[in-house]
Amino acid sequence: MSDRPSAPTGGRNTRHPTGIRVVLAVLALASLILGPAGYLMGVRAFAHDGSAAEWFTLAFGAAVGLPFLAAAVATVAGDRRAALWSLALLAWPLVFVTAIHLAGWDG
């Protein structure tokens, strides 16, 4: 059982839904930008630019880790719909990896 009080009407806890959605939007935006950017830099990395492994780690952390973090935040906040949308972002790496390679941007 949770120590948090439930909503006064017995429904879900919606004390700060706007704040939670803003946090989730920031995490989603970071995932949508940093994932492809990190992957593209990893594919194009040369010996003097830095390690490709570092860029791929950034890309994986952003494209997979941030959606899981957003889903966890939404779940704790009691927002199931936002949690599902956050998990839907896990399809994004398939899209941008395919687009980068089909467009010929992989160097």
N, C-alpha and C. Protein backbone atom coordinates (compact mmCIF):
# COMPACT_ATOMS: atom_id res chain seq x y z
N MET A 1 0.83 -1.18 0.00
CA MET A 1 0.00 0.00 0.00
C MET A 1 0.88 1.24 0.00
N SER A 2 0.39 2.26 -0.65
CA SER A 2 1.13 3.51 -0.74
C SER A 2 0.78 4.40 0.44
N ASP A 3 1.75 5.20 0.85
CA ASP A 3 1.51 6.18 1.91
C ASP A 3 0.88 7.45 1.37
N ARG A 4 0.86 7.59 0.05
CA ARG A 4 0.26 8.79 -0.54
C ARG A 4 -1.25 8.73 -0.43
N PRO A 5 -1.86 9.85 -0.11
CA PRO A 5 -3.33 9.86 -0.09
C PRO A 5 -3.87 9.79 -1.51
N SER A 6 -4.99 9.13 -1.66
CA SER A 6 -5.61 9.06 -2.97
C SER A 6 -6.34 10.36 -3.27
N ALA A 7 -6.79 10.48 -4.47
CA ALA A 7 -7.51 11.68 -4.88
C ALA A 7 -8.80 11.78 -4.08
N PRO A 8 -9.29 13.00 -3.84
CA PRO A 8 -10.48 13.18 -3.01
C PRO A 8 -11.72 12.47 -3.55
N THR A 9 -11.81 12.32 -4.86
CA THR A 9 -12.99 11.67 -5.43
C THR A 9 -12.82 10.17 -5.55
N GLY A 10 -11.69 9.65 -5.10
CA GLY A 10 -11.46 8.22 -5.19
C GLY A 10 -10.86 7.79 -6.51
N GLY A 11 -10.64 8.74 -7.42
CA GLY A 11 -10.06 8.43 -8.73
C GLY A 11 -8.54 8.45 -8.66
N ARG A 12 -7.96 8.71 -9.82
CA ARG A 12 -6.51 8.75 -9.83
C ARG A 12 -5.99 10.09 -9.31
N ASN A 13 -4.74 10.09 -8.93
CA ASN A 13 -4.12 11.28 -8.37
C ASN A 13 -3.73 12.22 -9.50
N THR A 14 -4.39 13.34 -9.61
CA THR A 14 -4.11 14.31 -10.68
C THR A 14 -3.80 15.68 -10.10
N ARG A 15 -2.95 15.72 -9.11
CA ARG A 15 -2.63 16.99 -8.47
C ARG A 15 -1.81 17.90 -9.37
N HIS A 16 -0.85 17.35 -10.13
CA HIS A 16 0.01 18.17 -10.97
C HIS A 16 0.19 17.55 -12.35
N PRO A 17 -0.90 17.34 -13.09
CA PRO A 17 -0.74 16.68 -14.39
C PRO A 17 0.03 17.52 -15.40
N THR A 18 -0.08 18.85 -15.33
CA THR A 18 0.62 19.69 -16.29
C THR A 18 2.12 19.62 -16.06
N GLY A 19 2.54 19.65 -14.83
CA GLY A 19 3.97 19.57 -14.52
C GLY A 19 4.58 18.26 -14.97
N ILE A 20 3.85 17.18 -14.77
CA ILE A 20 4.34 15.87 -15.20
C ILE A 20 4.43 15.82 -16.72
N ARG A 21 3.45 16.34 -17.39
CA ARG A 21 3.46 16.32 -18.86
C ARG A 21 4.58 17.19 -19.42
N VAL A 22 4.90 18.29 -18.75
CA VAL A 22 6.01 19.14 -19.19
C VAL A 22 7.34 18.38 -19.04
N VAL A 23 7.52 17.70 -17.91
CA VAL A 23 8.73 16.91 -17.70
C VAL A 23 8.83 15.81 -18.76
N LEU A 24 7.73 15.15 -19.05
CA LEU A 24 7.73 14.09 -20.06
C LEU A 24 8.01 14.64 -21.45
N ALA A 25 7.51 15.83 -21.74
CA ALA A 25 7.77 16.44 -23.04
C ALA A 25 9.25 16.79 -23.19
N VAL A 26 9.86 17.28 -22.13
CA VAL A 26 11.29 17.59 -22.17
C VAL A 26 12.11 16.32 -22.38
N LEU A 27 11.76 15.25 -21.67
CA LEU A 27 12.47 13.98 -21.84
C LEU A 27 12.27 13.42 -23.24
N ALA A 28 11.06 13.52 -23.76
CA ALA A 28 10.79 13.02 -25.11
C ALA A 28 11.55 13.83 -26.16
N LEU A 29 11.58 15.13 -26.00
CA LEU A 29 12.31 15.98 -26.94
C LEU A 29 13.80 15.67 -26.91
N ALA A 30 14.35 15.48 -25.72
CA ALA A 30 15.76 15.12 -25.61
C ALA A 30 16.03 13.77 -26.28
N SER A 31 15.11 12.84 -26.12
CA SER A 31 15.27 11.53 -26.75
C SER A 31 15.20 11.64 -28.27
N LEU A 32 14.29 12.44 -28.77
CA LEU A 32 14.11 12.58 -30.21
C LEU A 32 15.27 13.30 -30.88
N ILE A 33 15.98 14.16 -30.14
CA ILE A 33 17.10 14.91 -30.71
C ILE A 33 18.43 14.22 -30.47
N LEU A 34 18.69 13.83 -29.22
CA LEU A 34 20.00 13.28 -28.87
C LEU A 34 20.24 11.88 -29.42
N GLY A 35 19.18 11.09 -29.57
CA GLY A 35 19.34 9.74 -30.11
C GLY A 35 19.91 9.75 -31.52
N PRO A 36 19.25 10.41 -32.48
CA PRO A 36 19.79 10.45 -33.83
C PRO A 36 21.12 11.20 -33.93
N ALA A 37 21.26 12.27 -33.17
CA ALA A 37 22.51 13.04 -33.22
C ALA A 37 23.69 12.19 -32.74
N GLY A 38 23.51 11.48 -31.65
CA GLY A 38 24.58 10.63 -31.14
C GLY A 38 24.90 9.49 -32.08
N TYR A 39 23.88 8.89 -32.66
CA TYR A 39 24.11 7.78 -33.59
C TYR A 39 24.83 8.27 -34.84
N LEU A 40 24.40 9.39 -35.36
CA LEU A 40 25.04 9.94 -36.56
C LEU A 40 26.49 10.30 -36.29
N MET A 41 26.78 10.88 -35.14
CA MET A 41 28.16 11.20 -34.79
C MET A 41 28.98 9.92 -34.58
N GLY A 42 28.37 8.88 -34.05
CA GLY A 42 29.06 7.61 -33.87
C GLY A 42 29.40 6.95 -35.19
N VAL A 43 28.49 7.03 -36.13
CA VAL A 43 28.72 6.44 -37.44
C VAL A 43 29.83 7.20 -38.17
N ARG A 44 29.88 8.50 -37.99
CA ARG A 44 30.86 9.33 -38.68
C ARG A 44 32.15 9.56 -37.90
N ALA A 45 32.30 8.96 -36.74
CA ALA A 45 33.47 9.23 -35.89
C ALA A 45 34.75 8.74 -36.54
N PHE A 46 35.76 9.58 -36.43
CA PHE A 46 37.11 9.24 -36.86
C PHE A 46 37.99 9.21 -35.63
N ALA A 47 39.21 8.78 -35.79
CA ALA A 47 40.12 8.64 -34.66
C ALA A 47 40.34 9.97 -33.94
N HIS A 48 40.39 11.08 -34.65
CA HIS A 48 40.67 12.36 -34.00
C HIS A 48 39.42 13.05 -33.47
N ASP A 49 38.25 12.61 -33.85
CA ASP A 49 37.00 13.24 -33.40
C ASP A 49 36.51 12.70 -32.07
N GLY A 50 36.97 11.57 -31.66
CA GLY A 50 36.48 10.95 -30.45
C GLY A 50 36.07 9.52 -30.75
N SER A 51 35.78 8.83 -29.73
CA SER A 51 35.46 7.42 -29.88
C SER A 51 34.02 7.24 -30.35
N ALA A 52 33.85 6.33 -31.31
CA ALA A 52 32.50 6.02 -31.77
C ALA A 52 31.68 5.39 -30.66
N ALA A 53 32.34 4.64 -29.79
CA ALA A 53 31.63 3.99 -28.69
C ALA A 53 30.98 5.01 -27.76
N GLU A 54 31.64 6.14 -27.55
CA GLU A 54 31.07 7.19 -26.70
C GLU A 54 29.80 7.77 -27.33
N TRP A 55 29.85 7.98 -28.64
CA TRP A 55 28.68 8.52 -29.32
C TRP A 55 27.53 7.52 -29.35
N PHE A 56 27.86 6.23 -29.58
CA PHE A 56 26.81 5.22 -29.58
C PHE A 56 26.20 5.05 -28.19
N THR A 57 27.01 5.23 -27.15
CA THR A 57 26.49 5.17 -25.78
C THR A 57 25.52 6.32 -25.53
N LEU A 58 25.88 7.51 -25.98
CA LEU A 58 24.97 8.65 -25.86
C LEU A 58 23.67 8.38 -26.61
N ALA A 59 23.80 7.87 -27.84
CA ALA A 59 22.61 7.60 -28.65
C ALA A 59 21.71 6.57 -27.98
N PHE A 60 22.31 5.48 -27.47
CA PHE A 60 21.50 4.43 -26.83
C PHE A 60 20.87 4.96 -25.54
N GLY A 61 21.65 5.67 -24.75
CA GLY A 61 21.10 6.21 -23.50
C GLY A 61 19.95 7.17 -23.74
N ALA A 62 20.08 7.99 -24.78
CA ALA A 62 19.03 8.96 -25.07
C ALA A 62 17.82 8.30 -25.71
N ALA A 63 18.06 7.41 -26.68
CA ALA A 63 16.95 6.83 -27.44
C ALA A 63 16.21 5.74 -26.69
N VAL A 64 16.86 5.09 -25.74
CA VAL A 64 16.21 4.00 -25.01
C VAL A 64 16.04 4.35 -23.53
N GLY A 65 17.07 4.92 -22.94
CA GLY A 65 17.02 5.22 -21.51
C GLY A 65 16.02 6.31 -21.14
N LEU A 66 16.00 7.38 -21.92
CA LEU A 66 15.08 8.49 -21.61
C LEU A 66 13.60 8.10 -21.74
N PRO A 67 13.20 7.32 -22.77
CA PRO A 67 11.80 6.89 -22.78
C PRO A 67 11.43 6.00 -21.58
N PHE A 68 12.36 5.14 -21.15
CA PHE A 68 12.09 4.34 -19.96
C PHE A 68 11.98 5.22 -18.71
N LEU A 69 12.85 6.23 -18.62
CA LEU A 69 12.77 7.17 -17.49
C LEU A 69 11.44 7.92 -17.52
N ALA A 70 11.04 8.37 -18.70
CA ALA A 70 9.77 9.08 -18.83
C ALA A 70 8.59 8.18 -18.45
N ALA A 71 8.64 6.92 -18.88
CA ALA A 71 7.57 5.98 -18.53
C ALA A 71 7.53 5.74 -17.03
N ALA A 72 8.69 5.66 -16.40
CA ALA A 72 8.72 5.47 -14.94
C ALA A 72 8.14 6.68 -14.22
N VAL A 73 8.50 7.87 -14.66
CA VAL A 73 7.97 9.10 -14.04
C VAL A 73 6.46 9.16 -14.21
N ALA A 74 5.98 8.85 -15.41
CA ALA A 74 4.54 8.89 -15.66
C ALA A 74 3.81 7.83 -14.85
N THR A 75 4.42 6.67 -14.69
CA THR A 75 3.78 5.61 -13.91
C THR A 75 3.66 6.00 -12.44
N VAL A 76 4.73 6.56 -11.91
CA VAL A 76 4.70 7.00 -10.50
C VAL A 76 3.68 8.11 -10.32
N ALA A 77 3.53 8.97 -11.33
CA ALA A 77 2.57 10.06 -11.25
C ALA A 77 1.13 9.59 -11.47
N GLY A 78 0.98 8.36 -11.92
CA GLY A 78 -0.36 7.82 -12.13
C GLY A 78 -0.96 8.14 -13.48
N ASP A 79 -0.14 8.49 -14.44
CA ASP A 79 -0.62 8.86 -15.77
C ASP A 79 -0.30 7.72 -16.74
N ARG A 80 -1.22 6.79 -16.88
CA ARG A 80 -0.99 5.61 -17.73
C ARG A 80 -0.85 5.96 -19.20
N ARG A 81 -1.65 6.88 -19.66
CA ARG A 81 -1.60 7.25 -21.08
C ARG A 81 -0.23 7.85 -21.44
N ALA A 82 0.28 8.71 -20.59
CA ALA A 82 1.61 9.29 -20.85
C ALA A 82 2.69 8.23 -20.77
N ALA A 83 2.53 7.26 -19.87
CA ALA A 83 3.51 6.18 -19.77
C ALA A 83 3.52 5.34 -21.05
N LEU A 84 2.35 5.07 -21.60
CA LEU A 84 2.29 4.31 -22.85
C LEU A 84 2.89 5.08 -24.02
N TRP A 85 2.64 6.39 -24.08
CA TRP A 85 3.24 7.21 -25.13
C TRP A 85 4.75 7.25 -24.97
N SER A 86 5.22 7.27 -23.75
CA SER A 86 6.66 7.26 -23.51
C SER A 86 7.27 5.95 -24.00
N LEU A 87 6.59 4.85 -23.75
CA LEU A 87 7.09 3.56 -24.22
C LEU A 87 7.01 3.44 -25.74
N ALA A 88 6.07 4.16 -26.34
CA ALA A 88 5.96 4.15 -27.80
C ALA A 88 7.20 4.79 -28.44
N LEU A 89 7.89 5.64 -27.70
CA LEU A 89 9.12 6.25 -28.20
C LEU A 89 10.24 5.23 -28.43
N LEU A 90 10.07 4.03 -27.91
CA LEU A 90 11.08 2.99 -28.10
C LEU A 90 11.15 2.53 -29.55
N ALA A 91 10.17 2.87 -30.36
CA ALA A 91 10.20 2.56 -31.79
C ALA A 91 11.04 3.57 -32.56
N TRP A 92 11.34 4.71 -31.96
CA TRP A 92 12.08 5.78 -32.62
C TRP A 92 13.47 5.34 -33.09
N PRO A 93 14.24 4.57 -32.31
CA PRO A 93 15.56 4.16 -32.82
C PRO A 93 15.49 3.36 -34.12
N LEU A 94 14.49 2.54 -34.28
CA LEU A 94 14.33 1.81 -35.54
C LEU A 94 14.14 2.75 -36.71
N VAL A 95 13.41 3.82 -36.46
CA VAL A 95 13.12 4.79 -37.52
C VAL A 95 14.38 5.56 -37.89
N PHE A 96 15.07 6.14 -36.90
CA PHE A 96 16.19 7.00 -37.27
C PHE A 96 17.41 6.21 -37.74
N VAL A 97 17.63 5.00 -37.23
CA VAL A 97 18.76 4.20 -37.72
C VAL A 97 18.52 3.82 -39.18
N THR A 98 17.31 3.40 -39.49
CA THR A 98 16.97 3.06 -40.87
C THR A 98 17.08 4.29 -41.78
N ALA A 99 16.58 5.42 -41.33
CA ALA A 99 16.62 6.63 -42.15
C ALA A 99 18.06 7.09 -42.40
N ILE A 100 18.91 7.01 -41.40
CA ILE A 100 20.31 7.44 -41.56
C ILE A 100 21.02 6.56 -42.58
N HIS A 101 20.79 5.26 -42.50
CA HIS A 101 21.48 4.36 -43.43
C HIS A 101 20.89 4.42 -44.84
N LEU A 102 19.59 4.55 -44.96
CA LEU A 102 18.98 4.63 -46.30
C LEU A 102 19.29 5.95 -46.99
N ALA A 103 19.45 7.02 -46.20
CA ALA A 103 19.74 8.32 -46.79
C ALA A 103 21.22 8.46 -47.17
N GLY A 104 22.04 7.53 -46.73
CA GLY A 104 23.46 7.58 -47.07
C GLY A 104 24.26 8.53 -46.21
N TRP A 105 23.74 8.88 -45.04
CA TRP A 105 24.45 9.80 -44.14
C TRP A 105 25.47 9.08 -43.28
N ASP A 106 25.62 7.78 -43.48
CA ASP A 106 26.50 7.00 -42.60
C ASP A 106 27.96 7.07 -43.03
N GLY A 107 28.30 7.99 -43.86
CA GLY A 107 29.69 8.23 -44.20
C GLY A 107 30.09 7.53 -45.41
